[in-house]
Protein backbone atom coordinates (compact mmCIF):
# COMPACT_ATOMS: atom_id res chain seq x y z
CA MET A 1 37.26 -21.36 -9.35
CA GLN A 2 34.65 -18.85 -8.16
CA THR A 3 31.20 -19.24 -9.69
CA LYS A 4 29.67 -16.08 -11.14
CA LYS A 5 27.01 -14.72 -8.83
CA THR A 6 23.42 -14.39 -10.02
CA LYS A 7 22.45 -10.73 -10.36
CA ILE A 8 19.12 -9.99 -8.66
CA LEU A 9 17.83 -6.44 -9.08
CA ILE A 10 14.99 -5.24 -6.85
CA LEU A 11 13.26 -2.02 -7.90
CA GLY A 12 11.72 -0.35 -4.85
CA GLY A 13 12.71 -0.33 -1.18
CA ASN A 14 9.45 0.08 0.69
CA PHE A 15 7.46 -2.81 2.17
CA ALA A 16 7.51 -5.25 -0.74
CA GLY A 17 11.02 -4.50 -2.01
CA LEU A 18 12.72 -4.52 1.39
CA GLN A 19 11.05 -7.78 2.40
CA VAL A 20 12.00 -9.47 -0.88
CA ALA A 21 15.61 -8.42 -0.35
CA ARG A 22 15.75 -9.62 3.22
CA HIS A 23 14.02 -12.97 2.57
CA LEU A 24 16.19 -13.55 -0.50
CA ARG A 25 19.39 -13.07 1.45
CA GLU A 26 18.10 -15.37 4.16
CA ASN A 27 17.28 -18.05 1.58
CA LEU A 28 20.36 -17.68 -0.64
CA GLY A 29 23.18 -16.81 1.74
CA SER A 30 25.98 -14.44 0.71
CA GLU A 31 27.85 -16.42 -1.98
CA LEU A 32 25.19 -17.34 -4.51
CA ALA A 33 23.65 -14.01 -5.50
CA GLU A 34 24.50 -10.34 -5.88
CA ILE A 35 21.39 -8.51 -4.65
CA THR A 36 20.83 -4.83 -5.40
CA VAL A 37 17.96 -2.62 -4.24
CA VAL A 38 17.18 0.60 -6.13
CA ASP A 39 15.03 3.34 -4.63
CA LYS A 40 14.96 7.11 -5.08
CA LYS A 41 14.86 7.57 -1.30
CA SER A 42 17.13 6.01 1.32
CA PHE A 43 14.42 5.11 3.82
CA LEU A 44 11.25 3.07 4.12
CA LEU A 45 8.14 5.10 4.94
CA PHE A 46 5.76 3.21 7.24
CA VAL A 47 2.63 4.37 5.42
CA PRO A 48 -0.03 2.39 7.37
CA ASN A 49 0.54 4.42 10.55
CA ILE A 50 0.46 7.90 9.04
CA PRO A 51 -3.21 8.51 10.06
CA LEU A 52 -2.54 7.29 13.61
CA GLU A 53 0.46 9.60 14.04
CA THR A 54 -1.38 12.52 12.45
CA PHE A 55 -4.47 12.37 14.63
CA GLU A 56 -2.45 11.83 17.78
CA GLY A 57 -0.70 15.13 17.09
CA ARG A 58 2.71 13.83 16.03
CA ASP A 59 4.82 14.56 12.96
CA PRO A 60 5.00 11.32 10.90
CA ILE A 61 8.34 12.33 9.41
CA ASN A 62 9.92 11.93 12.86
CA THR A 63 8.42 8.54 13.67
CA LEU A 64 7.83 6.55 10.48
CA GLN A 65 11.13 6.54 8.54
CA LEU A 66 13.28 3.40 8.61
CA PRO A 67 16.81 3.89 7.13
CA LEU A 68 17.55 1.32 4.42
CA VAL A 69 21.33 1.57 4.03
CA PRO A 70 22.47 0.04 7.37
CA ILE A 71 19.90 -2.76 7.12
CA LEU A 72 20.91 -3.77 3.60
CA LYS A 73 24.62 -3.32 4.30
CA ASN A 74 24.33 -5.77 7.18
CA ASP A 75 22.78 -8.24 4.73
CA LYS A 76 25.58 -7.67 2.18
CA THR A 77 22.99 -6.21 -0.18
CA GLN A 78 23.87 -3.22 -2.33
CA PHE A 79 21.68 -0.11 -2.26
CA ILE A 80 21.51 2.47 -5.05
CA MET A 81 19.61 5.70 -4.48
CA ALA A 82 18.20 6.40 -7.92
CA GLU A 83 14.99 6.86 -9.85
CA VAL A 84 14.05 4.09 -12.27
CA LYS A 85 13.51 5.53 -15.74
CA ALA A 86 13.10 2.50 -18.02
CA ILE A 87 12.94 -1.30 -18.07
CA ASP A 88 13.93 -3.42 -21.10
CA PRO A 89 12.89 -7.01 -20.35
CA ASP A 90 14.31 -8.26 -23.65
CA LYS A 91 17.80 -6.91 -22.96
CA LYS A 92 17.44 -7.54 -19.20
CA THR A 93 18.43 -3.98 -18.37
CA VAL A 94 17.10 -1.12 -16.25
CA ASP A 95 17.93 2.55 -16.80
CA ILE A 96 18.34 4.59 -13.64
CA LEU A 97 18.92 8.24 -12.78
CA PRO A 98 20.95 8.61 -9.55
CA SER A 99 19.04 10.93 -7.21
CA GLU A 100 21.74 11.81 -4.68
CA ARG A 101 22.73 15.01 -6.54
CA PRO A 102 20.95 17.01 -9.28
CA GLY A 103 22.38 16.72 -12.78
CA SER A 104 23.28 13.03 -12.74
CA ALA A 105 23.58 11.13 -16.01
CA LEU A 106 21.52 8.05 -16.83
CA ASP A 107 23.11 4.72 -16.05
CA THR A 108 22.14 1.17 -17.02
CA LEU A 109 22.01 -1.89 -14.77
CA GLU A 110 21.89 -5.51 -15.93
CA TYR A 111 20.10 -8.36 -14.19
CA ASP A 112 19.50 -12.10 -14.24
CA TYR A 113 16.37 -11.70 -12.12
CA LEU A 114 14.25 -8.57 -11.78
CA VAL A 115 11.75 -7.84 -9.01
CA VAL A 116 9.45 -4.89 -9.72
CA ALA A 117 8.30 -3.52 -6.36
CA LEU A 118 8.04 0.16 -7.29
CA GLY A 119 4.55 0.78 -5.97
CA ASN A 120 2.43 3.29 -7.86
CA ARG A 121 2.04 6.97 -8.46
CA LEU A 122 -0.74 8.68 -6.49
CA ALA A 123 -2.64 10.69 -9.09
CA TYR A 124 -3.59 13.81 -7.14
CA ASP A 125 -2.60 15.83 -10.19
CA ARG A 126 -5.57 14.34 -12.04
CA ILE A 127 -8.09 15.74 -9.54
CA GLU A 128 -9.24 19.21 -10.50
CA GLY A 129 -8.91 21.61 -7.57
CA PHE A 130 -6.95 19.28 -5.28
CA SER A 131 -3.90 21.52 -4.93
CA GLU A 132 -6.08 24.47 -3.88
CA TYR A 133 -8.77 22.74 -1.82
CA GLY A 134 -7.77 19.14 -1.09
CA HIS A 135 -6.13 17.36 1.84
CA THR A 136 -4.89 13.81 2.40
CA VAL A 137 -2.79 11.61 4.70
CA THR A 138 -0.75 9.54 2.23
CA ASP A 139 2.63 11.12 3.04
CA PRO A 140 4.12 13.12 5.94
CA TYR A 141 4.00 16.47 4.12
CA GLN A 142 0.29 16.19 3.37
CA ALA A 143 -0.43 14.70 6.78
CA ASN A 144 1.23 17.61 8.57
CA LYS A 145 -0.61 20.05 6.34
CA LEU A 146 -3.90 18.40 7.36
CA ARG A 147 -2.91 18.23 11.04
CA HIS A 148 -2.16 21.95 11.19
CA TYR A 149 -5.34 22.81 9.27
CA ILE A 150 -7.52 20.87 11.70
CA GLU A 151 -5.83 22.34 14.77
CA GLU A 152 -5.45 25.94 13.59
CA GLU A 153 -7.81 26.76 10.70
CA TYR A 154 -10.78 24.40 10.63
CA GLN A 155 -13.99 26.23 11.50
CA GLY A 156 -16.24 23.26 12.29
CA GLY A 157 -17.92 22.90 8.87
CA PRO A 158 -18.83 19.75 6.92
CA ILE A 159 -16.09 17.27 5.99
CA VAL A 160 -15.98 14.71 3.17
CA ILE A 161 -13.61 11.73 3.12
CA GLY A 162 -13.40 9.29 0.23
CA SER A 163 -11.78 7.89 -2.90
CA ALA A 164 -11.37 8.85 -6.50
CA ARG A 165 -12.05 5.99 -8.91
CA PHE A 166 -9.33 3.36 -9.36
CA HIS A 167 -8.67 2.42 -13.00
CA GLN A 168 -7.63 -1.22 -12.87
CA GLY A 169 -6.10 -3.18 -15.73
CA THR A 170 -7.71 -6.34 -17.08
CA ASN A 171 -5.17 -7.81 -19.54
CA GLY A 172 -3.66 -10.94 -18.06
CA LYS A 173 -5.70 -10.56 -14.86
CA LEU A 174 -5.91 -13.56 -12.56
CA ASP A 175 -9.47 -14.87 -12.78
CA PHE A 176 -10.19 -14.60 -9.02
CA ILE A 177 -9.14 -10.94 -8.77
CA PRO A 178 -12.28 -8.71 -8.91
CA ILE A 179 -12.52 -5.35 -10.65
CA SER A 180 -12.43 -2.75 -7.90
CA LEU A 181 -13.57 0.86 -8.21
CA ALA A 182 -11.37 2.04 -5.33
CA ALA A 183 -7.69 1.16 -4.82
CA CYS A 184 -8.02 0.79 -1.03
CA GLU A 185 -10.76 2.14 1.22
CA GLY A 186 -9.48 1.03 4.60
CA PRO A 187 -7.88 4.49 4.94
CA THR A 188 -11.25 6.18 4.33
CA VAL A 189 -12.85 4.35 7.25
CA GLU A 190 -9.78 4.72 9.46
CA VAL A 191 -9.38 8.46 8.81
CA ALA A 192 -13.09 9.09 9.39
CA LEU A 193 -13.12 7.30 12.76
CA ALA A 194 -9.81 8.75 14.00
CA LEU A 195 -10.64 12.27 12.80
CA ALA A 196 -14.03 12.19 14.54
CA HIS A 197 -12.30 11.42 17.82
CA ARG A 198 -9.71 14.15 17.24
CA LEU A 199 -12.43 16.73 16.52
CA GLU A 200 -14.11 15.83 19.79
CA GLU A 201 -10.81 16.34 21.64
CA LEU A 202 -10.43 19.77 20.03
CA GLY A 203 -14.04 20.73 20.69
CA LYS A 204 -14.66 21.17 16.97
CA GLY A 205 -17.37 18.60 16.37
CA GLY A 206 -17.22 14.88 15.68
CA ALA A 207 -18.74 12.16 13.52
CA LYS A 208 -21.77 14.30 12.58
CA ASN A 209 -19.45 16.64 10.68
CA ILE A 210 -18.17 13.85 8.43
CA THR A 211 -19.56 12.17 5.30
CA MET A 212 -17.73 9.18 3.82
CA PHE A 213 -18.09 8.56 0.09
CA THR A 214 -17.13 5.83 -2.37
CA PRO A 215 -17.22 5.39 -6.16
CA ALA A 216 -18.42 1.80 -5.60
CA GLU A 217 -21.76 0.38 -4.56
CA LEU A 218 -20.29 -0.42 -1.12
CA ILE A 219 -17.49 1.33 0.72
CA ALA A 220 -14.60 -1.03 1.56
CA GLU A 221 -16.31 -3.71 -0.52
CA ASP A 222 -13.22 -5.93 -0.36
CA ALA A 223 -13.95 -6.51 3.35
CA GLY A 224 -17.18 -8.32 2.42
CA GLU A 225 -20.86 -7.42 2.60
CA LYS A 226 -21.26 -8.69 6.17
CA VAL A 227 -18.36 -6.60 7.46
CA VAL A 228 -19.48 -3.52 5.51
CA ALA A 229 -22.99 -3.85 6.92
CA GLN A 230 -21.55 -3.91 10.43
CA LEU A 231 -19.34 -0.89 9.71
CA LEU A 232 -22.19 1.13 8.25
CA GLU A 233 -24.49 0.29 11.16
CA ILE A 234 -21.85 1.49 13.63
CA ALA A 235 -21.08 4.58 11.54
CA THR A 236 -24.75 5.53 11.23
CA LYS A 237 -25.27 5.27 14.99
CA MET A 238 -22.22 7.49 15.53
CA GLY A 239 -23.63 10.12 13.18
CA PHE A 240 -21.47 9.73 10.07
CA GLY A 241 -22.94 10.50 6.67
CA TYR A 242 -22.49 8.09 3.77
CA LYS A 243 -22.73 8.43 -0.01
CA ASN A 244 -22.04 5.62 -2.46
CA LYS A 245 -21.91 5.19 -6.27
CA THR A 246 -20.34 8.62 -6.79
CA GLU A 247 -18.53 7.14 -9.85
CA ASP A 248 -15.53 9.49 -9.57
CA ILE A 249 -14.46 12.94 -8.41
CA LYS A 250 -15.19 15.65 -10.97
CA ALA A 251 -13.69 18.58 -9.04
CA LEU A 252 -12.91 20.03 -5.65
CA THR A 253 -14.03 23.60 -5.05
CA LYS A 254 -13.88 26.01 -2.15
CA GLU A 255 -17.50 25.17 -1.36
CA GLY A 256 -17.26 21.38 -1.60
CA ILE A 257 -16.88 18.40 -3.92
CA GLU A 258 -18.50 17.54 -7.25
CA PHE A 259 -18.90 13.98 -8.51
CA THR A 260 -19.14 12.66 -12.06
CA ASN A 261 -22.58 11.18 -11.31
CA GLY A 262 -23.89 14.76 -11.13
CA GLU A 263 -24.16 14.95 -7.36
CA SER A 264 -22.18 17.20 -5.01
CA LEU A 265 -21.57 17.73 -1.30
CA GLU A 266 -20.86 20.89 0.63
CA ALA A 267 -17.55 20.62 2.47
CA GLU A 268 -15.14 22.89 4.26
CA LEU A 269 -12.58 20.08 4.43
CA LYS A 270 -12.02 17.56 1.62
CA ILE A 271 -9.82 14.52 2.47
CA ILE A 272 -9.12 12.46 -0.63
CA ILE A 273 -7.61 9.06 -1.47
CA PRO A 274 -6.62 9.31 -5.17
CA ASP A 275 -6.48 6.95 -8.10
CA TRP A 276 -3.36 4.75 -7.92
CA VAL A 277 -1.71 4.70 -11.35
CA ALA A 278 1.39 2.97 -12.68
CA HIS A 279 4.58 4.94 -13.25
CA ASP A 280 4.68 6.52 -16.70
CA PHE A 281 7.59 4.42 -17.97
CA MET A 282 5.67 1.22 -17.17
CA GLN A 283 3.02 2.05 -19.75
CA GLY A 284 3.29 -0.19 -22.82
CA LEU A 285 5.91 -2.58 -21.43
CA PRO A 286 5.42 -6.21 -22.51
CA ILE A 287 5.44 -7.28 -18.85
CA CYS A 288 2.49 -5.00 -18.01
CA ASP A 289 -1.26 -4.84 -18.53
CA GLU A 290 -2.93 -1.96 -20.35
CA LYS A 291 -2.74 0.25 -17.23
CA GLY A 292 0.95 -0.39 -16.53
CA PHE A 293 0.62 -2.93 -13.70
CA VAL A 294 2.94 -5.97 -13.89
CA ILE A 295 1.17 -9.15 -15.01
CA HIS A 296 1.97 -12.23 -12.93
CA ASN A 297 0.90 -15.78 -12.16
CA LEU A 298 0.43 -17.46 -8.78
CA GLU A 299 4.23 -17.54 -8.36
CA MET A 300 4.29 -13.72 -8.76
CA ARG A 301 6.25 -14.42 -11.96
CA ASN A 302 5.55 -12.80 -15.32
CA PRO A 303 4.32 -15.56 -17.65
CA ASP A 304 6.18 -14.21 -20.72
CA TYR A 305 9.40 -13.20 -18.93
CA PRO A 306 9.91 -15.84 -16.21
CA GLU A 307 12.94 -14.03 -14.77
CA VAL A 308 10.72 -11.01 -13.96
CA PHE A 309 8.80 -11.02 -10.67
CA THR A 310 6.63 -8.41 -8.98
CA ALA A 311 5.34 -7.65 -5.49
CA GLY A 312 3.35 -4.91 -3.81
CA ASP A 313 1.28 -2.19 -5.43
CA ALA A 314 2.98 -2.49 -8.83
CA ALA A 315 1.51 -5.98 -9.27
CA SER A 316 -1.68 -6.37 -11.28
CA GLY A 317 -3.06 -8.79 -8.68
CA THR A 318 -2.63 -6.45 -5.70
CA VAL A 319 -6.28 -5.53 -5.25
CA PRO A 320 -6.81 -3.77 -2.93
CA LYS A 321 -3.47 -2.00 -2.36
CA LEU A 322 -2.77 -3.52 1.05
CA GLY A 323 0.41 -4.13 3.05
CA ALA A 324 -0.50 -7.66 4.11
CA ILE A 325 -0.95 -8.65 0.46
CA GLY A 326 2.43 -7.14 -0.41
CA HIS A 327 4.05 -9.14 2.39
CA LEU A 328 2.59 -12.40 1.09
CA GLN A 329 3.77 -11.62 -2.44
CA SER A 330 7.30 -10.78 -1.23
CA TYR A 331 7.52 -14.07 0.64
CA ILE A 332 6.46 -15.95 -2.49
CA VAL A 333 8.93 -14.13 -4.76
CA ALA A 334 11.92 -14.88 -2.50
CA ARG A 335 11.04 -18.57 -2.32
CA GLN A 336 10.47 -18.91 -6.07
CA ILE A 337 13.88 -17.42 -6.88
CA ALA A 338 15.44 -19.69 -4.28
CA LYS A 339 13.75 -22.61 -6.05
CA ASP A 340 15.14 -21.50 -9.42
CA LEU A 341 18.66 -21.32 -7.98
CA GLY A 342 18.41 -24.79 -6.48
CA VAL A 343 18.54 -23.94 -2.77
CA MET A 344 14.88 -24.69 -2.06
CA SER A 345 12.81 -27.63 -3.22
CA ALA A 346 9.80 -27.10 -5.46
CA GLU A 347 7.65 -28.76 -2.82
CA GLU A 348 8.71 -26.23 -0.19
CA ALA A 349 8.69 -23.17 -2.46
CA ASP A 350 5.29 -23.99 -3.95
CA ALA A 351 3.66 -24.80 -0.62
CA GLU A 352 2.26 -21.26 -0.55
CA LEU A 353 1.34 -19.54 -3.79
CA TYR A 354 -0.69 -16.37 -4.28
CA LYS A 355 -3.98 -16.58 -2.42
CA PRO A 356 -4.81 -13.08 -1.16
CA GLU A 357 -6.94 -12.15 1.81
CA ILE A 358 -7.79 -8.90 3.57
CA SER A 359 -6.02 -8.40 6.90
CA CYS A 360 -5.75 -4.90 8.33
CA TYR A 361 -5.80 -2.83 11.51
CA GLY A 362 -7.27 0.69 11.44
CA ASP A 363 -6.96 3.40 14.08
CA MET A 364 -10.23 4.63 15.60
CA GLY A 365 -8.79 7.26 17.95
CA GLY A 366 -8.79 7.10 21.73
CA GLY A 367 -6.47 4.09 21.86
CA LYS A 368 -8.85 1.80 19.95
CA ALA A 369 -8.64 0.18 16.53
CA PHE A 370 -10.65 -2.07 14.24
CA TYR A 371 -9.44 -5.36 12.78
CA ILE A 372 -10.72 -6.83 9.52
CA HIS A 373 -9.90 -10.32 8.29
CA SER A 374 -11.73 -11.50 5.19
CA ASP A 375 -11.30 -13.54 2.02
CA SER A 376 -14.85 -13.25 0.66
CA TYR A 377 -13.72 -10.80 -2.04
CA TYR A 378 -11.78 -13.67 -3.61
CA GLY A 379 -14.48 -16.31 -3.25
CA GLY A 380 -13.90 -17.42 0.37
CA ASP A 381 -16.24 -17.53 3.37
CA LEU A 382 -14.28 -15.58 5.99
CA GLN A 383 -15.64 -12.17 7.07
CA LEU A 384 -14.51 -10.91 10.45
CA LEU A 385 -14.69 -7.45 12.05
CA LYS A 386 -13.52 -6.71 15.59
CA MET A 387 -12.83 -3.51 17.53
CA GLY A 388 -11.09 -2.62 20.77
CA ARG A 389 -7.93 -1.57 22.56
CA SER A 390 -6.15 -4.85 21.88
CA TYR A 391 -6.13 -4.14 18.15
CA TYR A 392 -4.70 -0.66 18.68
CA ASP A 393 -1.94 -2.22 20.77
CA MET A 394 -1.24 -4.75 18.03
CA LYS A 395 -1.14 -2.05 15.34
CA VAL A 396 1.40 -0.03 17.33
CA ALA A 397 3.41 -3.10 18.33
CA PHE A 398 3.65 -4.25 14.72
CA LYS A 399 5.29 -0.98 13.70
CA HIS A 400 7.82 -1.21 16.55
CA GLN A 401 8.64 -4.81 15.73
CA TYR A 402 8.95 -4.05 12.03
CA PHE A 403 11.49 -1.34 12.80
CA SER A 404 13.42 -3.45 15.34
CA THR A 405 13.78 -6.33 12.85
CA GLY A 406 14.50 -4.09 9.87
CA GLY A 407 11.46 -5.33 8.00
CA LYS A 408 12.38 -9.00 8.37
CA LEU A 409 9.30 -10.44 10.02
CA PRO A 410 8.97 -14.21 9.60
CA HIS A 411 5.97 -15.34 7.58
CA TRP A 412 4.82 -17.57 10.43
CA GLN A 413 4.65 -14.49 12.65
CA TRP A 414 2.27 -12.76 10.23
CA LYS A 415 0.06 -15.83 10.35
CA LEU A 416 0.28 -16.06 14.12
CA GLY A 417 -0.70 -12.39 14.44
CA ALA A 418 -3.81 -12.97 12.35
CA TRP A 419 -4.68 -16.09 14.33
CA ILE A 420 -4.34 -14.24 17.63
CA SER A 421 -6.39 -11.29 16.33
CA ASP A 422 -9.10 -13.68 15.13
CA LYS A 423 -9.29 -15.32 18.56
CA ILE A 424 -9.16 -12.24 20.85
């Protein structure tokens, strides 16, 4: 007699969702669980390398899309291209709107386990003047728009690069997760450094054209005070401007940028990282905090609905919004479900629970990159900043390996990469 398969529904197919799916199948085999991934697009977008592609003159849409369907099919995992419209954790159902053709009717999916890995919504629509005067690098369309502007229209005037304020939830927050005023400021530093190099190549200026700003007391505060001090010393010597404690963006205008603290900066070019907000339908759900981020414990499990897990930017404990943190969470989720289904011991599954740290590589232009590894934001002692060609090579190699393995990088390899980067 065939045993009924456990239904595992994964919402989201980018970094966190894809890795959960692939690690789950590895842990569970093909007979124990029916795994389904839902995403409104049929590819993974390799977001971390958008700035690198942009400032090296390439179109990110041609180089950073990883098709999901063949990867999941090979794993005997179902893929549904649809937009998630509602979650009912009491009924254990999810309403979806298929996105393959316009005019589809709502459908409802049932689950035994739910993994919310939907990421967030980037709230550019909440920034007055962004559509008329703003630029960014968070997706290929905007990146190409910026690339063409720099190459064809930019006149050599002042540039500002920075973040709108991040509105973080506090209900159910893990006690070691700080309140951050910016969702992730690694991109601010990376874009500033890479853009300065690109301007020099084009003969349109360099670091002296650029001012970085932050709503917080320190830019990239999650990297630690020691690392930030090193970054600011280097940036100052290169000629970058710096403005902190801007509080939030009030408006973008043709002439520049206005902040809610009453200050303003003149700018021909305004490159913005927005607030990261939860999807509208997440607001008010019993699994979420007051901002719509999914509450979880160290197992990445919702304490009130233990069959609901989360990973990536949708999780309340993902601060900052960082790929390495999403990977760790995905690894934990897959092992915890394997424990529940009796194919992994509690000792093995619980050997690594949620303990975040900052680990990132940022392009600097000219074939160089910076590497940051730090846990001081969460009470640790590690603060490490390094720069050089080796880290650029590792950033590029990681993308190629991620694509060649279909997003299935072993956890030990992530740890080995950090160890090697620490020791170089």
